[in-house]
C-alpha atoms as a PDB file:
ATOM      1  CA  MET A   1       0.000   0.000   0.000  1.00  0.00           C
ATOM      2  CA  ASN A   2       2.935   2.339   0.643  1.00  0.00           C
ATOM      3  CA  TRP A   3       4.091   1.986  -2.954  1.00  0.00           C
ATOM      4  CA  LEU A   4       0.650   3.146  -4.158  1.00  0.00           C
ATOM      5  CA  ARG A   5       0.780   6.202  -1.892  1.00  0.00           C
ATOM      6  CA  PHE A   6       4.290   6.957  -3.152  1.00  0.00           C
ATOM      7  CA  ALA A   7       3.207   6.541  -6.795  1.00  0.00           C
ATOM      8  CA  VAL A   8       0.230   8.885  -6.364  1.00  0.00           C
ATOM      9  CA  LEU A   9       2.357  11.465  -4.529  1.00  0.00           C
ATOM     10  CA  ALA A  10       5.127  11.283  -7.156  1.00  0.00           C
ATOM     11  CA  THR A  11       2.596  11.631  -9.971  1.00  0.00           C
ATOM     12  CA  CYS A  12       0.891  14.635  -8.352  1.00  0.00           C
ATOM     13  CA  THR A  13       4.233  16.288  -7.641  1.00  0.00           C
ATOM     14  CA  SER A  14       5.388  15.759 -11.213  1.00  0.00           C
ATOM     15  CA  ILE A  15       2.162  17.172 -12.630  1.00  0.00           C
ATOM     16  CA  MET A  16       2.397  20.250 -10.374  1.00  0.00           C
ATOM     17  CA  ALA A  17       6.033  20.821 -11.368  1.00  0.00           C
ATOM     18  CA  LEU A  18       5.068  20.549 -15.032  1.00  0.00           C
ATOM     19  CA  ILE A  19       2.211  23.018 -14.592  1.00  0.00           C
ATOM     20  CA  GLY A  20       4.567  25.403 -12.767  1.00  0.00           C
ATOM     21  CA  ALA A  21       7.154  25.170 -15.542  1.00  0.00           C
ATOM     22  CA  LEU A  22       4.501  25.792 -18.191  1.00  0.00           C
ATOM     23  CA  LEU A  23       3.216  28.781 -16.245  1.00  0.00           C
ATOM     24  CA  ALA A  24       6.715  30.252 -16.025  1.00  0.00           C
ATOM     25  CA  ILE A  25       7.375  29.658 -19.730  1.00  0.00           C
ATOM     26  CA  GLN A  26       4.054  31.126 -20.858  1.00  0.00           C
ATOM     27  CA  ASN A  27       4.319  34.252 -18.648  1.00  0.00           C
ATOM     28  CA  PRO A  28       7.768  35.789 -19.126  1.00  0.00           C
ATOM     29  CA  GLN A  29       6.498  39.373 -18.658  1.00  0.00           C
ATOM     30  CA  VAL A  30       8.216  41.338 -15.931  1.00  0.00           C
ATOM     31  CA  VAL A  31       5.953  43.440 -13.688  1.00  0.00           C
ATOM     32  CA  PRO A  32       6.479  45.389 -10.463  1.00  0.00           C
ATOM     33  CA  LEU A  33       4.229  44.551  -7.522  1.00  0.00           C
ATOM     34  CA  ASP A  34       2.567  47.482  -5.764  1.00  0.00           C
ATOM     35  CA  LEU A  35       1.528  46.742  -2.161  1.00  0.00           C
ATOM     36  CA  LEU A  36      -0.022  50.132  -1.236  1.00  0.00           C
ATOM     37  CA  PHE A  37       2.934  51.349   0.838  1.00  0.00           C
ATOM     38  CA  ILE A  38       5.831  49.728  -0.990  1.00  0.00           C
ATOM     39  CA  THR A  39       6.529  48.804  -4.568  1.00  0.00           C
ATOM     40  CA  LEU A  40       8.536  45.648  -5.044  1.00  0.00           C
ATOM     41  CA  PRO A  41      11.057  45.413  -7.896  1.00  0.00           C
ATOM     42  CA  PRO A  42       9.954  44.035 -11.269  1.00  0.00           C
ATOM     43  CA  ARG A  43       9.930  40.231 -11.467  1.00  0.00           C
ATOM     44  CA  SER A  44       8.163  37.722 -13.694  1.00  0.00           C
ATOM     45  CA  ILE A  45       4.449  37.124 -13.200  1.00  0.00           C
ATOM     46  CA  ALA A  46       5.110  33.436 -12.516  1.00  0.00           C
ATOM     47  CA  LEU A  47       7.431  34.345  -9.623  1.00  0.00           C
ATOM     48  CA  TRP A  48       4.768  36.568  -8.034  1.00  0.00           C
ATOM     49  CA  ILE A  49       2.164  33.823  -8.439  1.00  0.00           C
ATOM     50  CA  PHE A  50       4.466  31.192  -6.912  1.00  0.00           C
ATOM     51  CA  ALA A  51       5.356  33.552  -4.065  1.00  0.00           C
ATOM     52  CA  ALA A  52       1.666  34.150  -3.335  1.00  0.00           C
ATOM     53  CA  LEU A  53       1.012  30.415  -3.445  1.00  0.00           C
ATOM     54  CA  GLY A  54       3.913  29.714  -1.086  1.00  0.00           C
ATOM     55  CA  ILE A  55       2.900  32.420   1.375  1.00  0.00           C
ATOM     56  CA  GLY A  56      -0.706  31.191   1.330  1.00  0.00           C
ATOM     57  CA  ALA A  57       0.369  27.598   1.908  1.00  0.00           C
ATOM     58  CA  LEU A  58       2.651  28.653   4.774  1.00  0.00           C
ATOM     59  CA  MET A  59      -0.117  30.694   6.380  1.00  0.00           C
ATOM     60  CA  GLY A  60      -2.501  27.746   6.028  1.00  0.00           C
ATOM     61  CA  ILE A  61      -0.007  25.422   7.714  1.00  0.00           C
ATOM     62  CA  ILE A  62       0.514  27.868  10.579  1.00  0.00           C
ATOM     63  CA  VAL A  63      -3.211  28.449  11.152  1.00  0.00           C
ATOM     64  CA  SER A  64      -4.076  24.753  10.981  1.00  0.00           C
ATOM     65  CA  GLY A  65      -1.189  23.981  13.347  1.00  0.00           C
ATOM     66  CA  LEU A  66      -2.467  26.511  15.863  1.00  0.00           C
ATOM     67  CA  LEU A  67      -5.995  25.123  15.615  1.00  0.00           C
ATOM     68  CA  THR A  68      -4.702  21.575  16.033  1.00  0.00           C
ATOM     69  CA  PHE A  69      -2.690  22.610  19.087  1.00  0.00           C
ATOM     70  CA  ARG A  70      -5.751  24.283  20.602  1.00  0.00           C
ATOM     71  CA  LEU A  71      -7.930  21.223  19.958  1.00  0.00           C
ATOM     72  CA  LYS A  72      -5.325  18.872  21.460  1.00  0.00           C
ATOM     73  CA  ALA A  73      -5.103  21.052  24.568  1.00  0.00           C
ATOM     74  CA  HIS A  74      -8.897  21.007  24.883  1.00  0.00           C
ATOM     75  CA  LEU A  75      -8.912  17.231  24.423  1.00  0.00           C
ATOM     76  CA  GLY A  76      -6.311  16.864  27.179  1.00  0.00           C
ATOM     77  CA  ARG A  77      -8.370  18.982  29.579  1.00  0.00           C
ATOM     78  CA  THR A  78     -11.501  16.991  28.728  1.00  0.00           C
ATOM     79  CA  ARG A  79      -9.736  13.660  29.282  1.00  0.00           C
ATOM     80  CA  ARG A  80      -8.423  14.894  32.631  1.00  0.00           C
ATOM     81  CA  LYS A  81     -11.940  15.943  33.679  1.00  0.00           C
ATOM     82  CA  LEU A  82     -13.317  12.584  32.558  1.00  0.00           C
ATOM     83  CA  LYS A  83     -10.715  10.728  34.596  1.00  0.00           C
ATOM     84  CA  GLU A  84     -11.498  12.831  37.682  1.00  0.00           C
ATOM     85  CA  THR A  85     -15.221  12.263  37.203  1.00  0.00           C
ATOM     86  CA  GLN A  86     -14.740   8.512  36.797  1.00  0.00           C
ATOM     87  CA  LEU A  87     -12.704   8.408  40.021  1.00  0.00           C
ATOM     88  CA  GLU A  88     -15.408  10.359  41.829  1.00  0.00           C
ATOM     89  CA  VAL A  89     -18.140   8.024  40.540  1.00  0.00           C
ATOM     90  CA  ASP A  90     -16.099   4.995  41.609  1.00  0.00           C
ATOM     91  CA  GLN A  91     -15.635   6.484  45.094  1.00  0.00           C
ATOM     92  CA  LEU A  92     -19.346   7.230  45.381  1.00  0.00           C
ATOM     93  CA  ARG A  93     -20.219   3.681  44.311  1.00  0.00           C
ATOM     94  CA  ARG A  94     -17.811   2.206  46.850  1.00  0.00           C
ATOM     95  CA  SER A  95     -19.045   4.440  49.651  1.00  0.00           C
ATOM     96  CA  GLY A  96     -22.654   3.579  48.804  1.00  0.00           C
ATOM     97  CA  LEU A  97     -21.904  -0.130  49.015  1.00  0.00           C
ATOM     98  CA  THR A  98     -20.089   0.065  52.336  1.00  0.00           C
ATOM     99  CA  SER A  99     -22.626   2.306  54.090  1.00  0.00           C
ATOM    100  CA  SER A 100     -25.647   0.132  53.174  1.00  0.00           C
ATOM    101  CA  GLU A 101     -24.158  -3.074  54.608  1.00  0.00           C
END
């Protein structure tokens, strides 16, 4: 099964690299990028598109990592509460059995 995952990943990576190369070849125009307060030096359109894609992917990884961390922390707190509640229920059951005898 690992070989299938590797084959699919290699195929997708190759296709994306081919699309990126075609994009760079088809868009050789050089344009400056104006970001309201600063104007970046002229570069090819493909470079600006790849930079935007990379920054977006990085931001997505960071945000999803923070959300995952938050959810894991919440899960840990919930498990701790569950364990405490189970101990309390066990104690109440034991004390109920000993007091009725």
